[in-house]
Amino acid sequence: MKPEPDLAERVRAGDRRALARLLSLIEDNDDEGGTEIARLFPHRGKAHVIGVTGAPGTGKSTLVGRLALTLRGQGSNEVAVLAVDPSSPFTGGAILGDRIRMREASVDHGVFIRSMATRGALGGLALRTEEAVEAMDAAGFGHILVETVGAGQAEVEVAQLAATTVVVEAPGLGDDVQAIKAGILEIADILVVNKADLPGADETVRALRAALDLGRPSRTVRKETSWEVPILRTVATQGEGVLELAGAIAAHRQHLEGSDEAAARQRNRAGHDLALRLQEELATRFLKRLGEPAWRDAIERVASREVSPRAAVRELLEGDRG
């Protein structure tokens, strides 16, 4: 169904049904959705986008739900949550497990929760996540929480989207070293040890502190404005430590606004967004020009190990030039 002519205006006015419709169009890569998001683009840039990432089992969804309610309790205008779910292997749709775990937040009329399927996109984010965030921003949400699927090393992708990145760990998962190897600590603005009431919490905090002390590369522009990454403890199921987390997020936002880093991150996000969209558009145009038979033939040759993927791509490109 195509959107009504005033869809963008209705989204800006805070119409939740209009926003839900636009998000569906964005997720389906509908041309009309692209037109509407372009109309909304000049009206974004006011929300504070918070990325929440970490390994599966750390309690991210429960923590995000509690955080949304805490931000609301502090007087924030409406809060949006974008839960990027793994795609269903049967339908391609989001599994929606996160929304089940955020049941308490979902009954607050000031909290808007949307699940989005990754549909094979890398980096823990759905292909249309950035446009969905733009739509929520233009709709007037003061805070937008983006929870990623917790897929491992590729989770660093969220740092390209969020102004503040929260990395969640938990004791007893044995993934501290894996997180360090993945470089996930390098993108953390705030570290959270959730489930801090479990045995091993102290060890997890010490491991994270040691990793930071080894030398986390600074992303700040001026040394005098560098941000000291805090390590917080929470028990999301009980709401413990969530108020302190909200305070750390506010402090990081203030830090960004008082330095050159906010502008630098915005330029980085713009470049990243342009590169992704250019890559997608070029691939779409190339495959359309190539034709389905040639593409299927290349797939069969790679599947049968006749040629490597790299060689197949090179042949396709050379054949296109010819």
Protein backbone atom coordinates (compact mmCIF):
# COMPACT_ATOMS: atom_id res chain seq x y z
CA MET A 1 0.00 0.00 0.00
CA LYS A 2 1.39 3.38 -0.98
CA PRO A 3 1.57 6.10 1.66
CA GLU A 4 -0.78 9.03 1.72
CA PRO A 5 0.60 12.33 0.38
CA ASP A 6 0.88 13.80 3.89
CA LEU A 7 2.71 10.84 5.43
CA ALA A 8 5.89 12.79 6.21
CA GLU A 9 3.92 15.60 7.81
CA ARG A 10 1.97 13.14 9.94
CA VAL A 11 5.21 11.51 11.09
CA ARG A 12 6.59 14.91 12.10
CA ALA A 13 3.38 15.59 14.01
CA GLY A 14 3.95 12.45 16.10
CA ASP A 15 1.39 10.17 14.46
CA ARG A 16 2.48 6.69 15.57
CA ARG A 17 0.47 4.89 12.90
CA ALA A 18 2.07 7.02 10.20
CA LEU A 19 5.52 6.29 11.64
CA ALA A 20 4.81 2.55 11.73
CA ARG A 21 3.69 2.67 8.09
CA LEU A 22 6.81 4.56 7.05
CA LEU A 23 9.06 2.11 8.90
CA SER A 24 7.41 -0.78 7.06
CA LEU A 25 8.03 0.96 3.74
CA ILE A 26 11.65 1.56 4.68
CA GLU A 27 12.18 -2.05 5.73
CA ASP A 28 10.64 -3.26 2.45
CA ASN A 29 12.92 -0.89 0.49
CA ASP A 30 9.85 0.68 -1.08
CA ASP A 31 10.57 3.64 -3.40
CA GLU A 32 7.76 5.62 -1.80
CA GLY A 33 9.36 5.11 1.58
CA GLY A 34 12.63 6.48 0.22
CA THR A 35 10.80 9.56 -1.05
CA GLU A 36 9.18 10.17 2.32
CA ILE A 37 12.41 9.74 4.31
CA ALA A 38 14.10 12.22 1.97
CA ARG A 39 11.39 14.75 2.82
CA LEU A 40 12.02 14.16 6.53
CA PHE A 41 15.81 14.34 6.34
CA PRO A 42 16.12 18.12 6.99
CA HIS A 43 14.08 17.71 10.18
CA ARG A 44 16.31 15.16 11.91
CA GLY A 45 19.37 15.62 14.11
CA LYS A 46 17.76 16.43 17.46
CA ALA A 47 17.52 12.96 19.03
CA HIS A 48 20.30 11.36 21.03
CA VAL A 49 20.95 7.96 19.42
CA ILE A 50 22.22 5.31 21.85
CA GLY A 51 23.55 2.01 20.56
CA VAL A 52 23.37 -0.96 22.92
CA THR A 53 25.38 -4.00 21.92
CA GLY A 54 27.04 -7.06 23.40
CA ALA A 55 27.06 -10.82 23.29
CA PRO A 56 23.82 -12.84 23.45
CA GLY A 57 22.83 -13.69 27.01
CA THR A 58 24.01 -10.45 28.59
CA GLY A 59 20.46 -9.19 29.15
CA LYS A 60 20.57 -6.35 26.64
CA SER A 61 16.84 -6.35 25.93
CA THR A 62 15.82 -6.21 29.58
CA LEU A 63 18.37 -3.46 30.18
CA VAL A 64 17.13 -1.45 27.18
CA GLY A 65 13.54 -1.73 28.41
CA ARG A 66 14.50 -0.53 31.88
CA LEU A 67 16.62 2.27 30.43
CA ALA A 68 13.73 3.49 28.26
CA LEU A 69 11.47 3.71 31.32
CA THR A 70 14.20 5.47 33.31
CA LEU A 71 14.70 8.09 30.60
CA ARG A 72 10.97 8.66 30.56
CA GLY A 73 10.93 9.01 34.33
CA GLN A 74 13.61 11.67 34.11
CA GLY A 75 11.30 13.84 32.04
CA SER A 76 12.51 12.89 28.58
CA ASN A 77 10.02 13.32 25.81
CA GLU A 78 9.03 10.12 24.05
CA VAL A 79 11.64 7.39 23.74
CA ALA A 80 11.98 5.10 20.72
CA VAL A 81 13.50 1.63 20.79
CA LEU A 82 14.68 -0.06 17.60
CA ALA A 83 15.40 -3.72 18.33
CA VAL A 84 17.33 -5.27 15.47
CA ASP A 85 16.38 -8.94 15.54
CA PRO A 86 17.90 -11.89 13.73
CA SER A 87 15.82 -12.77 10.71
CA SER A 88 13.50 -15.74 10.78
CA PRO A 89 15.03 -18.45 8.56
CA PHE A 90 11.55 -19.18 7.19
CA THR A 91 9.94 -15.79 6.62
CA GLY A 92 12.79 -13.29 6.72
CA GLY A 93 10.90 -11.35 9.38
CA ALA A 94 12.07 -10.41 12.85
CA ILE A 95 11.73 -13.08 15.51
CA LEU A 96 10.48 -10.39 17.94
CA GLY A 97 12.06 -11.92 21.03
CA ASP A 98 13.29 -8.51 22.17
CA ARG A 99 9.79 -7.07 22.26
CA ILE A 100 8.67 -9.90 24.51
CA ARG A 101 11.48 -9.13 26.96
CA MET A 102 10.54 -5.41 26.89
CA ARG A 103 6.94 -6.06 27.90
CA GLU A 104 7.02 -3.59 30.80
CA ALA A 105 8.29 -0.75 28.62
CA SER A 106 5.84 -1.57 25.85
CA VAL A 107 2.84 -0.58 28.00
CA ASP A 108 4.23 2.95 28.48
CA HIS A 109 2.55 5.10 25.84
CA GLY A 110 5.65 7.30 25.75
CA VAL A 111 7.85 4.41 24.60
CA PHE A 112 7.68 3.33 20.95
CA ILE A 113 9.18 -0.11 20.27
CA ARG A 114 9.89 -1.41 16.79
CA SER A 115 11.61 -4.65 15.79
CA MET A 116 13.48 -4.87 12.51
CA ALA A 117 14.83 -7.98 10.85
CA THR A 118 18.47 -8.04 9.78
CA ARG A 119 17.59 -9.97 6.60
CA GLY A 120 21.18 -11.03 6.17
CA ALA A 121 22.73 -7.59 6.71
CA LEU A 122 26.14 -7.62 8.36
CA GLY A 123 27.33 -5.64 11.36
CA GLY A 124 24.43 -6.49 13.66
CA LEU A 125 22.26 -3.85 12.02
CA ALA A 126 19.46 -4.17 9.54
CA LEU A 127 20.13 -2.76 6.09
CA ARG A 128 17.57 -0.01 6.66
CA THR A 129 18.39 0.74 10.29
CA GLU A 130 19.84 4.17 9.57
CA GLU A 131 16.75 5.28 7.67
CA ALA A 132 14.52 3.94 10.44
CA VAL A 133 16.48 5.98 12.98
CA GLU A 134 16.13 9.04 10.76
CA ALA A 135 12.36 8.57 10.67
CA MET A 136 12.18 8.22 14.46
CA ASP A 137 14.38 11.28 14.88
CA ALA A 138 12.15 13.38 12.63
CA ALA A 139 9.13 12.12 14.59
CA GLY A 140 10.39 13.98 17.63
CA PHE A 141 11.77 11.27 19.91
CA GLY A 142 14.31 12.68 22.36
CA HIS A 143 16.19 9.39 22.76
CA ILE A 144 16.46 6.51 20.30
CA LEU A 145 17.82 3.22 21.66
CA VAL A 146 19.19 0.86 19.01
CA GLU A 147 19.71 -2.67 20.30
CA THR A 148 21.74 -4.92 18.03
CA VAL A 149 21.44 -8.68 17.66
CA GLY A 150 24.64 -9.52 19.51
CA ALA A 151 26.31 -11.32 16.63
CA GLY A 152 29.92 -10.94 17.75
CA GLN A 153 32.75 -9.17 15.96
CA ALA A 154 30.56 -7.32 13.48
CA GLU A 155 28.79 -5.50 16.32
CA VAL A 156 31.24 -2.63 15.92
CA GLU A 157 28.99 -1.44 13.10
CA VAL A 158 26.64 0.17 15.62
CA ALA A 159 29.29 2.77 16.51
CA GLN A 160 28.87 4.26 13.04
CA LEU A 161 25.23 4.99 13.82
CA ALA A 162 25.06 5.89 17.50
CA ALA A 163 26.24 9.02 19.28
CA THR A 164 26.75 6.98 22.45
CA THR A 165 27.64 3.29 22.33
CA VAL A 166 26.94 1.09 25.35
CA VAL A 167 28.65 -2.31 25.38
CA VAL A 168 27.03 -4.85 27.72
CA GLU A 169 28.91 -7.74 29.28
CA ALA A 170 27.85 -10.29 31.89
CA PRO A 171 29.74 -12.60 34.24
CA GLY A 172 30.06 -16.28 33.56
CA LEU A 173 29.83 -16.14 29.76
CA GLY A 174 33.54 -16.51 29.17
CA ASP A 175 33.46 -13.94 26.40
CA ASP A 176 35.65 -11.19 27.88
CA VAL A 177 38.66 -12.18 25.79
CA GLN A 178 36.48 -12.69 22.73
CA ALA A 179 35.07 -9.20 23.10
CA ILE A 180 38.56 -7.77 23.34
CA LYS A 181 39.66 -9.71 20.26
CA ALA A 182 36.66 -8.45 18.35
CA GLY A 183 37.64 -4.88 19.07
CA ILE A 184 34.26 -4.30 20.61
CA LEU A 185 35.78 -2.53 23.61
CA GLU A 186 37.27 0.04 21.28
CA ILE A 187 33.84 1.29 20.29
CA ALA A 188 32.47 1.47 23.83
CA ASP A 189 31.67 4.86 25.30
CA ILE A 190 30.15 3.14 28.33
CA LEU A 191 30.78 -0.41 29.56
CA VAL A 192 28.09 -2.19 31.54
CA VAL A 193 28.44 -5.42 33.49
CA ASN A 194 24.84 -6.59 33.69
CA LYS A 195 23.66 -9.41 35.93
CA ALA A 196 26.13 -8.01 38.45
CA ASP A 197 24.50 -10.01 41.24
CA LEU A 198 25.92 -13.23 39.78
CA PRO A 199 29.22 -14.81 40.85
CA GLY A 200 32.15 -13.60 38.79
CA ALA A 201 30.98 -10.00 38.41
CA ASP A 202 34.08 -8.62 40.13
CA GLU A 203 36.33 -10.66 37.84
CA THR A 204 34.49 -9.39 34.79
CA VAL A 205 34.91 -5.78 35.90
CA ARG A 206 38.62 -6.33 36.53
CA ALA A 207 39.08 -7.95 33.10
CA LEU A 208 37.38 -5.04 31.37
CA ARG A 209 39.38 -2.49 33.35
CA ALA A 210 42.62 -4.28 32.47
CA ALA A 211 41.66 -4.29 28.80
CA LEU A 212 40.98 -0.55 28.88
CA ASP A 213 44.24 0.12 30.68
CA LEU A 214 46.13 -1.64 27.89
CA GLY A 215 45.34 1.35 25.76
CA ARG A 216 41.96 1.98 24.25
CA PRO A 217 42.49 4.11 21.13
CA SER A 218 40.98 7.55 21.70
CA ARG A 219 38.48 8.76 19.13
CA THR A 220 38.49 12.30 20.49
CA VAL A 221 39.87 15.25 18.58
CA ARG A 222 41.52 17.01 21.52
CA LYS A 223 43.28 15.18 24.33
CA GLU A 224 41.99 17.63 26.91
CA THR A 225 38.41 16.60 26.10
CA SER A 226 39.04 12.84 26.10
CA TRP A 227 36.29 10.68 27.56
CA GLU A 228 37.09 8.25 30.34
CA VAL A 229 35.06 5.11 29.69
CA PRO A 230 33.12 4.18 32.83
CA ILE A 231 32.43 0.57 33.84
CA LEU A 232 29.02 0.32 35.47
CA ARG A 233 27.23 -2.55 37.20
CA THR A 234 23.56 -3.24 36.65
CA VAL A 235 20.95 -5.83 37.51
CA ALA A 236 18.41 -5.02 34.84
CA THR A 237 15.77 -7.42 36.10
CA GLN A 238 15.67 -5.44 39.36
CA GLY A 239 16.35 -2.03 37.85
CA GLU A 240 19.57 -1.70 39.82
CA GLY A 241 22.21 0.60 38.35
CA VAL A 242 19.99 1.75 35.47
CA LEU A 243 19.70 5.27 36.87
CA GLU A 244 23.50 5.49 36.96
CA LEU A 245 23.61 4.28 33.36
CA ALA A 246 21.19 7.01 32.30
CA GLY A 247 23.41 9.52 34.10
CA ALA A 248 26.52 8.27 32.28
CA ILE A 249 24.72 8.58 28.93
CA ALA A 250 23.75 12.17 29.76
CA ALA A 251 27.32 12.93 30.79
CA HIS A 252 28.66 11.50 27.52
CA ARG A 253 26.19 13.58 25.55
CA GLN A 254 27.36 16.68 27.40
CA HIS A 255 30.96 15.71 26.67
CA LEU A 256 30.23 15.42 22.95
CA GLU A 257 28.46 18.76 22.84
CA GLY A 258 31.38 20.43 24.63
CA SER A 259 34.04 19.19 22.21
CA ASP A 260 34.76 18.81 18.51
CA GLU A 261 33.99 15.11 18.69
CA ALA A 262 30.28 15.43 17.94
CA ALA A 263 30.99 17.11 14.59
CA ALA A 264 33.73 14.59 13.80
CA ARG A 265 31.42 11.66 14.50
CA GLN A 266 28.69 13.24 12.39
CA ARG A 267 31.07 13.50 9.44
CA ASN A 268 32.14 9.89 9.94
CA ARG A 269 28.50 8.76 10.02
CA ALA A 270 27.73 10.73 6.87
CA GLY A 271 30.67 9.17 5.03
CA HIS A 272 29.77 5.69 6.22
CA ASP A 273 26.15 6.15 5.20
CA LEU A 274 27.09 7.43 1.75
CA ALA A 275 29.51 4.53 1.19
CA LEU A 276 26.88 1.94 2.15
CA ARG A 277 24.22 3.48 -0.06
CA LEU A 278 26.62 3.86 -2.99
CA GLN A 279 27.68 0.23 -2.63
CA GLU A 280 24.08 -0.93 -2.58
CA GLU A 281 23.04 1.20 -5.53
CA LEU A 282 26.00 0.18 -7.68
CA ALA A 283 25.44 -3.50 -6.92
CA THR A 284 21.73 -3.19 -7.75
CA ARG A 285 22.43 -1.47 -11.07
CA PHE A 286 25.19 -3.90 -11.98
CA LEU A 287 23.08 -7.00 -11.31
CA LYS A 288 20.18 -5.53 -13.26
CA ARG A 289 22.43 -4.90 -16.25
CA LEU A 290 24.15 -8.27 -15.90
CA GLY A 291 20.92 -10.25 -16.08
CA GLU A 292 19.61 -13.21 -14.10
CA PRO A 293 21.12 -16.00 -16.28
CA ALA A 294 24.69 -14.71 -15.96
CA TRP A 295 24.27 -14.23 -12.21
CA ARG A 296 22.87 -17.74 -11.73
CA ASP A 297 25.69 -19.19 -13.80
CA ALA A 298 28.27 -17.45 -11.62
CA ILE A 299 26.58 -18.83 -8.49
CA GLU A 300 26.67 -22.39 -9.86
CA ARG A 301 30.34 -22.11 -10.80
CA VAL A 302 31.26 -20.93 -7.31
CA ALA A 303 29.05 -23.56 -5.65
CA SER A 304 30.74 -26.31 -7.67
CA ARG A 305 34.17 -24.88 -6.79
CA GLU A 306 34.95 -24.28 -10.42
CA VAL A 307 36.04 -20.74 -9.57
CA SER A 308 36.55 -18.82 -6.37
CA PRO A 309 34.16 -15.99 -5.42
CA ARG A 310 36.94 -13.46 -6.01
CA ALA A 311 37.66 -14.83 -9.47
CA ALA A 312 33.97 -14.99 -10.33
CA VAL A 313 33.49 -11.34 -9.42
CA ARG A 314 36.52 -10.36 -11.47
CA GLU A 315 35.15 -12.25 -14.47
CA LEU A 316 31.75 -10.62 -14.10
CA LEU A 317 33.31 -7.16 -13.96
CA GLU A 318 35.60 -7.82 -16.90
CA GLY A 319 32.75 -9.24 -18.92
CA ASP A 320 30.67 -6.15 -18.15
CA ARG A 321 33.43 -3.88 -19.45
CA GLY A 322 33.65 -5.98 -22.57
